[in-house]
Amino acid sequence: MPNGLGFLQLVLIFGDRRSRSLFFGVSLQNIIRNDALFKEFSTVLNPIGLVVVDVRRDDHRDETHIVVTVTNNEHTAGINECAKAHRIIFPRLSLLEGERNIDLEVSTPGVQRIFRDLYEFSLFSGKRCRVYDSSCSAWLEGIMKNIIFRTAMFIRPN
């Protein structure tokens, strides 16, 4: 796939039968796991039970703003887990960045999240979600399932 782009198809399943594709060809990046900071933070946070969801970096003159989104396997991470991650990441980041001023924000994915990378679908597999179907102008609720061959399965209860 060129430039690390992935294509995703979301399939709705009603009961035992497979329904139409909700959308196809939505371009999502599939590169977060190759990011140097993502790898660095995952290495130190995974042993304490935290999973890195996303890392965003924004450089301004002599300041670096970094936002790290973390969760745990049960998706119950809160302020204590964020504080623990901050205490672990910040000293390491200070060594990596040298003289730059660092603004580090650690947060959880929150209740409403727009997925920016294919990797995120695997993190939230088995969780309830809502998807907007523009063909009927309505929100559909269901359970997110694993990606199989770049297809995310969305199970909708009868």
N, C-alpha and C. Protein backbone atom coordinates (compact mmCIF):
# COMPACT_ATOMS: atom_id res chain seq x y z
N MET A 1 0.83 -1.17 0.00
CA MET A 1 0.00 0.00 0.00
C MET A 1 0.88 1.24 0.00
N PRO A 2 0.67 2.17 -0.88
CA PRO A 2 1.53 3.34 -0.95
C PRO A 2 1.34 4.27 0.24
N ASN A 3 2.43 4.84 0.70
CA ASN A 3 2.42 5.85 1.77
C ASN A 3 1.73 5.39 3.05
N GLY A 4 1.67 4.10 3.29
CA GLY A 4 1.11 3.61 4.54
C GLY A 4 -0.39 3.81 4.68
N LEU A 5 -1.10 4.05 3.58
CA LEU A 5 -2.54 4.26 3.68
C LEU A 5 -3.25 2.92 3.60
N GLY A 6 -4.29 2.79 4.37
CA GLY A 6 -5.08 1.57 4.35
C GLY A 6 -6.49 1.89 3.92
N PHE A 7 -7.17 0.92 3.42
CA PHE A 7 -8.55 1.13 3.05
C PHE A 7 -9.40 0.25 3.93
N LEU A 8 -10.49 0.79 4.38
CA LEU A 8 -11.31 0.09 5.35
C LEU A 8 -12.73 -0.03 4.82
N GLN A 9 -13.29 -1.19 5.03
CA GLN A 9 -14.68 -1.42 4.69
C GLN A 9 -15.39 -1.76 5.99
N LEU A 10 -16.48 -1.11 6.26
CA LEU A 10 -17.26 -1.40 7.46
C LEU A 10 -18.49 -2.17 7.04
N VAL A 11 -18.66 -3.35 7.59
CA VAL A 11 -19.77 -4.22 7.21
C VAL A 11 -20.72 -4.34 8.39
N LEU A 12 -21.99 -4.12 8.13
CA LEU A 12 -23.01 -4.28 9.16
C LEU A 12 -23.52 -5.71 9.13
N ILE A 13 -23.72 -6.29 10.31
CA ILE A 13 -24.25 -7.64 10.40
C ILE A 13 -25.50 -7.58 11.27
N PHE A 14 -26.61 -8.04 10.72
CA PHE A 14 -27.87 -8.05 11.45
C PHE A 14 -28.19 -9.50 11.79
N GLY A 15 -28.12 -9.85 13.07
CA GLY A 15 -28.36 -11.23 13.47
C GLY A 15 -27.32 -12.16 12.86
N ASP A 16 -27.79 -13.15 12.08
CA ASP A 16 -26.89 -14.12 11.47
C ASP A 16 -26.55 -13.80 10.02
N ARG A 17 -27.16 -12.80 9.46
CA ARG A 17 -26.89 -12.54 8.04
C ARG A 17 -26.05 -11.28 7.86
N ARG A 18 -25.25 -11.29 6.83
CA ARG A 18 -24.37 -10.18 6.50
C ARG A 18 -25.14 -9.17 5.66
N SER A 19 -25.01 -7.92 5.99
CA SER A 19 -25.73 -6.87 5.28
C SER A 19 -24.80 -6.16 4.31
N ARG A 20 -25.25 -5.07 3.80
CA ARG A 20 -24.47 -4.27 2.85
C ARG A 20 -23.29 -3.61 3.54
N SER A 21 -22.36 -3.17 2.74
CA SER A 21 -21.24 -2.40 3.27
C SER A 21 -21.73 -1.01 3.58
N LEU A 22 -21.34 -0.51 4.73
CA LEU A 22 -21.75 0.83 5.12
C LEU A 22 -20.94 1.87 4.35
N PHE A 23 -19.65 1.65 4.27
CA PHE A 23 -18.82 2.50 3.43
C PHE A 23 -17.60 1.73 3.01
N PHE A 24 -17.00 2.15 1.93
CA PHE A 24 -15.82 1.45 1.42
C PHE A 24 -14.84 2.48 0.90
N GLY A 25 -13.57 2.17 1.05
CA GLY A 25 -12.56 3.06 0.50
C GLY A 25 -12.25 4.24 1.38
N VAL A 26 -12.63 4.18 2.64
CA VAL A 26 -12.29 5.26 3.55
C VAL A 26 -10.81 5.14 3.85
N SER A 27 -10.09 6.20 3.61
CA SER A 27 -8.64 6.16 3.76
C SER A 27 -8.24 6.49 5.18
N LEU A 28 -7.69 5.52 5.87
CA LEU A 28 -7.15 5.72 7.21
C LEU A 28 -5.68 5.38 7.18
N GLN A 29 -4.90 6.10 7.95
CA GLN A 29 -3.49 5.79 8.02
C GLN A 29 -3.28 4.50 8.78
N ASN A 30 -2.26 3.79 8.41
CA ASN A 30 -1.90 2.57 9.11
C ASN A 30 -0.43 2.67 9.49
N ILE A 31 -0.07 3.80 10.14
CA ILE A 31 1.35 4.07 10.39
C ILE A 31 1.68 4.38 11.84
N ILE A 32 0.70 4.43 12.72
CA ILE A 32 0.97 4.86 14.10
C ILE A 32 1.99 3.95 14.79
N ARG A 33 1.94 2.65 14.51
CA ARG A 33 2.86 1.73 15.17
C ARG A 33 4.30 1.89 14.70
N ASN A 34 4.53 2.62 13.61
CA ASN A 34 5.88 2.86 13.12
C ASN A 34 6.47 4.16 13.66
N ASP A 35 5.67 4.96 14.35
CA ASP A 35 6.13 6.23 14.90
C ASP A 35 7.14 5.99 16.02
N ALA A 36 8.25 6.73 16.01
CA ALA A 36 9.32 6.54 17.01
C ALA A 36 8.82 6.77 18.44
N LEU A 37 8.04 7.83 18.65
CA LEU A 37 7.54 8.11 20.00
C LEU A 37 6.54 7.04 20.45
N PHE A 38 5.71 6.57 19.53
CA PHE A 38 4.76 5.51 19.85
C PHE A 38 5.51 4.27 20.34
N LYS A 39 6.55 3.89 19.63
CA LYS A 39 7.36 2.72 20.02
C LYS A 39 8.02 2.94 21.38
N GLU A 40 8.59 4.14 21.56
CA GLU A 40 9.28 4.47 22.82
C GLU A 40 8.33 4.39 24.01
N PHE A 41 7.16 5.02 23.87
CA PHE A 41 6.19 5.05 24.96
C PHE A 41 5.57 3.68 25.21
N SER A 42 5.30 2.93 24.15
CA SER A 42 4.72 1.59 24.30
C SER A 42 5.67 0.68 25.08
N THR A 43 6.96 0.83 24.82
CA THR A 43 7.97 0.00 25.49
C THR A 43 7.93 0.19 27.01
N VAL A 44 7.73 1.42 27.47
CA VAL A 44 7.75 1.67 28.91
C VAL A 44 6.37 1.56 29.56
N LEU A 45 5.30 1.71 28.79
CA LEU A 45 3.96 1.67 29.38
C LEU A 45 3.31 0.29 29.35
N ASN A 46 3.62 -0.52 28.35
CA ASN A 46 3.02 -1.86 28.28
C ASN A 46 3.30 -2.72 29.51
N PRO A 47 4.52 -2.70 30.07
CA PRO A 47 4.78 -3.52 31.27
C PRO A 47 3.93 -3.16 32.49
N ILE A 48 3.41 -1.93 32.55
CA ILE A 48 2.56 -1.56 33.68
C ILE A 48 1.07 -1.65 33.33
N GLY A 49 0.75 -2.28 32.20
CA GLY A 49 -0.63 -2.52 31.83
C GLY A 49 -1.31 -1.41 31.07
N LEU A 50 -0.56 -0.44 30.59
CA LEU A 50 -1.16 0.65 29.80
C LEU A 50 -0.86 0.44 28.32
N VAL A 51 -1.83 0.78 27.49
CA VAL A 51 -1.70 0.63 26.04
C VAL A 51 -1.72 2.02 25.42
N VAL A 52 -0.77 2.31 24.57
CA VAL A 52 -0.74 3.59 23.87
C VAL A 52 -1.70 3.51 22.69
N VAL A 53 -2.66 4.44 22.64
CA VAL A 53 -3.64 4.49 21.57
C VAL A 53 -3.14 5.39 20.45
N ASP A 54 -2.61 6.55 20.82
CA ASP A 54 -2.22 7.54 19.82
C ASP A 54 -1.16 8.46 20.41
N VAL A 55 -0.29 8.97 19.56
CA VAL A 55 0.71 9.98 19.95
C VAL A 55 0.69 11.05 18.87
N ARG A 56 0.51 12.29 19.28
CA ARG A 56 0.57 13.43 18.35
C ARG A 56 1.62 14.41 18.82
N ARG A 57 2.39 14.92 17.90
CA ARG A 57 3.47 15.84 18.22
C ARG A 57 3.31 17.10 17.38
N ASP A 58 3.55 18.24 18.03
CA ASP A 58 3.46 19.53 17.35
C ASP A 58 4.63 20.39 17.82
N ASP A 59 5.52 20.76 16.91
CA ASP A 59 6.70 21.56 17.24
C ASP A 59 6.47 23.04 16.90
N HIS A 60 6.81 23.92 17.85
CA HIS A 60 6.73 25.37 17.67
C HIS A 60 8.03 25.97 18.18
N ARG A 61 8.77 26.58 17.31
CA ARG A 61 10.05 27.22 17.67
C ARG A 61 10.85 26.36 18.64
N ASP A 62 10.92 26.75 19.90
CA ASP A 62 11.72 26.00 20.87
C ASP A 62 10.86 25.15 21.81
N GLU A 63 9.59 24.92 21.44
CA GLU A 63 8.69 24.15 22.28
C GLU A 63 8.11 22.97 21.51
N THR A 64 7.94 21.88 22.21
CA THR A 64 7.32 20.69 21.64
C THR A 64 6.09 20.33 22.46
N HIS A 65 4.95 20.23 21.78
CA HIS A 65 3.70 19.83 22.43
C HIS A 65 3.40 18.39 22.01
N ILE A 66 3.28 17.50 22.99
CA ILE A 66 3.01 16.10 22.70
C ILE A 66 1.76 15.66 23.46
N VAL A 67 0.85 15.03 22.73
CA VAL A 67 -0.37 14.49 23.32
C VAL A 67 -0.31 12.97 23.18
N VAL A 68 -0.37 12.28 24.30
CA VAL A 68 -0.35 10.81 24.32
C VAL A 68 -1.69 10.33 24.84
N THR A 69 -2.35 9.47 24.08
CA THR A 69 -3.62 8.90 24.50
C THR A 69 -3.36 7.46 24.93
N VAL A 70 -3.76 7.14 26.17
CA VAL A 70 -3.51 5.80 26.72
C VAL A 70 -4.81 5.19 27.24
N THR A 71 -4.82 3.89 27.31
CA THR A 71 -5.92 3.16 27.93
C THR A 71 -5.32 1.90 28.55
N ASN A 72 -6.16 1.10 29.17
CA ASN A 72 -5.70 -0.20 29.64
C ASN A 72 -6.54 -1.26 28.95
N ASN A 73 -6.26 -2.52 29.20
CA ASN A 73 -6.96 -3.59 28.50
C ASN A 73 -8.45 -3.61 28.78
N GLU A 74 -8.85 -3.13 29.95
CA GLU A 74 -10.27 -3.11 30.31
C GLU A 74 -10.94 -1.81 29.88
N HIS A 75 -10.18 -0.88 29.33
CA HIS A 75 -10.68 0.44 28.93
C HIS A 75 -11.32 1.18 30.10
N THR A 76 -10.68 1.05 31.27
CA THR A 76 -11.16 1.75 32.47
C THR A 76 -10.13 2.75 32.96
N ALA A 77 -9.17 3.09 32.13
CA ALA A 77 -8.12 4.02 32.54
C ALA A 77 -8.73 5.37 32.91
N GLY A 78 -8.18 5.97 33.95
CA GLY A 78 -8.66 7.27 34.41
C GLY A 78 -7.50 8.18 34.74
N ILE A 79 -7.76 9.12 35.62
CA ILE A 79 -6.75 10.14 35.96
C ILE A 79 -5.51 9.53 36.60
N ASN A 80 -5.68 8.49 37.41
CA ASN A 80 -4.52 7.86 38.06
C ASN A 80 -3.58 7.22 37.04
N GLU A 81 -4.16 6.55 36.05
CA GLU A 81 -3.34 5.92 35.01
C GLU A 81 -2.65 6.97 34.15
N CYS A 82 -3.36 8.06 33.86
CA CYS A 82 -2.75 9.15 33.08
C CYS A 82 -1.59 9.78 33.84
N ALA A 83 -1.77 9.99 35.15
CA ALA A 83 -0.70 10.57 35.97
C ALA A 83 0.51 9.65 36.03
N LYS A 84 0.25 8.35 36.16
CA LYS A 84 1.34 7.37 36.19
C LYS A 84 2.10 7.38 34.86
N ALA A 85 1.37 7.42 33.75
CA ALA A 85 2.01 7.46 32.43
C ALA A 85 2.83 8.74 32.28
N HIS A 86 2.29 9.86 32.73
CA HIS A 86 3.00 11.14 32.64
C HIS A 86 4.32 11.08 33.42
N ARG A 87 4.27 10.53 34.64
CA ARG A 87 5.48 10.43 35.47
C ARG A 87 6.54 9.54 34.82
N ILE A 88 6.13 8.55 34.08
CA ILE A 88 7.09 7.65 33.42
C ILE A 88 7.62 8.25 32.12
N ILE A 89 6.73 8.86 31.34
CA ILE A 89 7.11 9.37 30.02
C ILE A 89 7.94 10.64 30.09
N PHE A 90 7.57 11.57 30.96
CA PHE A 90 8.20 12.90 30.95
C PHE A 90 9.72 12.88 31.10
N PRO A 91 10.29 12.15 32.06
CA PRO A 91 11.76 12.13 32.16
C PRO A 91 12.43 11.56 30.91
N ARG A 92 11.83 10.54 30.35
CA ARG A 92 12.38 9.93 29.13
C ARG A 92 12.32 10.92 27.97
N LEU A 93 11.21 11.62 27.88
CA LEU A 93 11.03 12.62 26.83
C LEU A 93 12.01 13.77 27.00
N SER A 94 12.28 14.16 28.23
CA SER A 94 13.26 15.23 28.50
C SER A 94 14.63 14.85 27.98
N LEU A 95 15.01 13.59 28.13
CA LEU A 95 16.30 13.13 27.61
C LEU A 95 16.32 13.13 26.09
N LEU A 96 15.21 12.72 25.48
CA LEU A 96 15.14 12.66 24.02
C LEU A 96 15.15 14.04 23.38
N GLU A 97 14.48 15.00 24.01
CA GLU A 97 14.32 16.33 23.41
C GLU A 97 15.43 17.31 23.77
N GLY A 98 16.22 17.01 24.75
CA GLY A 98 17.34 17.90 25.10
C GLY A 98 16.88 19.23 25.66
N GLU A 99 17.25 20.32 25.00
CA GLU A 99 17.01 21.68 25.50
C GLU A 99 15.61 22.23 25.20
N ARG A 100 14.84 21.52 24.42
CA ARG A 100 13.51 22.04 24.05
C ARG A 100 12.56 22.05 25.25
N ASN A 101 11.67 23.04 25.30
CA ASN A 101 10.60 23.05 26.30
C ASN A 101 9.57 22.00 25.89
N ILE A 102 9.13 21.23 26.85
CA ILE A 102 8.20 20.15 26.55
C ILE A 102 6.87 20.39 27.24
N ASP A 103 5.80 20.29 26.46
CA ASP A 103 4.45 20.36 26.99
C ASP A 103 3.84 18.99 26.73
N LEU A 104 3.67 18.19 27.77
CA LEU A 104 3.17 16.82 27.63
C LEU A 104 1.76 16.72 28.20
N GLU A 105 0.86 16.19 27.40
CA GLU A 105 -0.52 15.95 27.83
C GLU A 105 -0.79 14.46 27.67
N VAL A 106 -1.28 13.84 28.72
CA VAL A 106 -1.65 12.42 28.67
C VAL A 106 -3.14 12.33 28.97
N SER A 107 -3.88 11.65 28.10
CA SER A 107 -5.32 11.54 28.29
C SER A 107 -5.81 10.15 27.88
N THR A 108 -7.07 9.89 28.17
CA THR A 108 -7.70 8.63 27.76
C THR A 108 -8.47 8.89 26.46
N PRO A 109 -8.89 7.83 25.77
CA PRO A 109 -9.59 8.02 24.50
C PRO A 109 -10.92 8.75 24.63
N GLY A 110 -11.53 8.73 25.79
CA GLY A 110 -12.79 9.43 25.98
C GLY A 110 -13.98 8.62 25.51
N VAL A 111 -15.14 9.21 25.68
CA VAL A 111 -16.38 8.53 25.32
C VAL A 111 -16.61 8.57 23.82
N GLN A 112 -16.37 9.71 23.20
CA GLN A 112 -16.53 9.84 21.75
C GLN A 112 -15.15 10.01 21.13
N ARG A 113 -14.85 9.17 20.18
CA ARG A 113 -13.53 9.21 19.56
C ARG A 113 -13.66 8.98 18.06
N ILE A 114 -12.97 9.78 17.30
CA ILE A 114 -12.88 9.59 15.86
C ILE A 114 -11.59 8.83 15.60
N PHE A 115 -11.69 7.66 15.00
CA PHE A 115 -10.50 6.85 14.74
C PHE A 115 -9.66 7.51 13.65
N ARG A 116 -8.35 7.60 13.92
CA ARG A 116 -7.42 8.20 12.96
C ARG A 116 -6.50 7.17 12.33
N ASP A 117 -6.49 5.95 12.86
CA ASP A 117 -5.56 4.93 12.39
C ASP A 117 -6.23 3.56 12.48
N LEU A 118 -5.91 2.68 11.54
CA LEU A 118 -6.48 1.34 11.55
C LEU A 118 -6.20 0.59 12.84
N TYR A 119 -5.07 0.87 13.45
CA TYR A 119 -4.66 0.22 14.70
C TYR A 119 -5.72 0.38 15.79
N GLU A 120 -6.41 1.51 15.80
CA GLU A 120 -7.39 1.78 16.85
C GLU A 120 -8.58 0.82 16.81
N PHE A 121 -8.93 0.33 15.62
CA PHE A 121 -10.04 -0.62 15.54
C PHE A 121 -9.74 -1.87 16.35
N SER A 122 -8.48 -2.33 16.30
CA SER A 122 -8.12 -3.54 17.05
C SER A 122 -8.17 -3.30 18.56
N LEU A 123 -7.89 -2.08 19.00
CA LEU A 123 -7.92 -1.78 20.44
C LEU A 123 -9.32 -1.82 21.02
N PHE A 124 -10.30 -1.43 20.21
CA PHE A 124 -11.66 -1.31 20.72
C PHE A 124 -12.57 -2.44 20.26
N SER A 125 -11.98 -3.53 19.81
CA SER A 125 -12.74 -4.69 19.40
C SER A 125 -13.57 -5.21 20.58
N GLY A 126 -14.82 -5.52 20.30
CA GLY A 126 -15.71 -6.04 21.34
C GLY A 126 -16.42 -4.96 22.14
N LYS A 127 -16.14 -3.70 21.84
CA LYS A 127 -16.77 -2.59 22.57
C LYS A 127 -17.96 -2.03 21.78
N ARG A 128 -18.91 -1.49 22.54
CA ARG A 128 -20.05 -0.84 21.90
C ARG A 128 -19.60 0.43 21.19
N CYS A 129 -20.22 0.71 20.06
CA CYS A 129 -19.89 1.94 19.35
C CYS A 129 -21.11 2.40 18.55
N ARG A 130 -21.02 3.62 18.10
CA ARG A 130 -22.05 4.18 17.23
C ARG A 130 -21.37 4.60 15.93
N VAL A 131 -22.04 4.32 14.82
CA VAL A 131 -21.53 4.68 13.51
C VAL A 131 -22.62 5.45 12.79
N TYR A 132 -22.24 6.56 12.15
CA TYR A 132 -23.23 7.35 11.42
C TYR A 132 -23.37 6.80 10.01
N ASP A 133 -24.59 6.44 9.64
CA ASP A 133 -24.89 5.93 8.30
C ASP A 133 -25.52 7.06 7.50
N SER A 134 -24.76 7.62 6.57
CA SER A 134 -25.26 8.77 5.81
C SER A 134 -26.35 8.37 4.82
N SER A 135 -26.47 7.07 4.49
CA SER A 135 -27.51 6.66 3.54
C SER A 135 -28.91 6.75 4.15
N CYS A 136 -29.01 6.63 5.48
CA CYS A 136 -30.32 6.76 6.13
C CYS A 136 -30.32 7.88 7.16
N SER A 137 -29.23 8.67 7.21
CA SER A 137 -29.11 9.81 8.12
C SER A 137 -29.43 9.43 9.57
N ALA A 138 -28.78 8.37 10.03
CA ALA A 138 -29.05 7.92 11.39
C ALA A 138 -27.79 7.31 12.01
N TRP A 139 -27.75 7.35 13.34
CA TRP A 139 -26.68 6.70 14.08
C TRP A 139 -27.08 5.26 14.32
N LEU A 140 -26.17 4.33 14.05
CA LEU A 140 -26.41 2.92 14.29
C LEU A 140 -25.53 2.47 15.45
N GLU A 141 -26.10 1.73 16.38
CA GLU A 141 -25.34 1.24 17.52
C GLU A 141 -25.05 -0.23 17.35
N GLY A 142 -23.90 -0.66 17.86
CA GLY A 142 -23.55 -2.07 17.75
C GLY A 142 -22.23 -2.35 18.44
N ILE A 143 -21.67 -3.50 18.15
CA ILE A 143 -20.42 -3.95 18.74
C ILE A 143 -19.35 -3.97 17.65
N MET A 144 -18.20 -3.35 17.93
CA MET A 144 -17.09 -3.35 16.99
C MET A 144 -16.37 -4.69 17.08
N LYS A 145 -16.12 -5.31 15.95
CA LYS A 145 -15.39 -6.57 15.91
C LYS A 145 -14.04 -6.35 15.24
N ASN A 146 -13.21 -7.38 15.24
CA ASN A 146 -11.87 -7.27 14.68
C ASN A 146 -11.87 -6.94 13.20
N ILE A 147 -10.74 -6.40 12.76
CA ILE A 147 -10.53 -6.17 11.34
C ILE A 147 -10.04 -7.46 10.72
N ILE A 148 -10.70 -7.88 9.65
CA ILE A 148 -10.26 -9.05 8.89
C ILE A 148 -10.08 -8.58 7.46
N PHE A 149 -8.88 -8.67 6.96
CA PHE A 149 -8.58 -8.21 5.60
C PHE A 149 -9.07 -6.79 5.37
N ARG A 150 -8.72 -5.91 6.28
CA ARG A 150 -9.05 -4.49 6.22
C ARG A 150 -10.56 -4.22 6.23
N THR A 151 -11.32 -5.17 6.79
CA THR A 151 -12.76 -4.99 6.94
C THR A 151 -13.09 -5.00 8.43
N ALA A 152 -13.68 -3.94 8.91
CA ALA A 152 -14.10 -3.87 10.32
C ALA A 152 -15.52 -4.40 10.40
N MET A 153 -15.73 -5.35 11.26
CA MET A 153 -17.06 -5.91 11.41
C MET A 153 -17.80 -5.17 12.51
N PHE A 154 -19.00 -4.74 12.22
CA PHE A 154 -19.83 -3.99 13.16
C PHE A 154 -21.10 -4.81 13.35
N ILE A 155 -21.25 -5.42 14.52
CA ILE A 155 -22.39 -6.29 14.80
C ILE A 155 -23.51 -5.46 15.41
N ARG A 156 -24.66 -5.49 14.78
CA ARG A 156 -25.80 -4.73 15.28
C ARG A 156 -26.83 -5.70 15.84
N PRO A 157 -27.19 -5.54 17.12
CA PRO A 157 -28.18 -6.46 17.72
C PRO A 157 -29.52 -6.38 16.99
N ASN A 158 -30.24 -7.50 17.01
CA ASN A 158 -31.57 -7.54 16.35
C ASN A 158 -32.54 -6.63 17.05
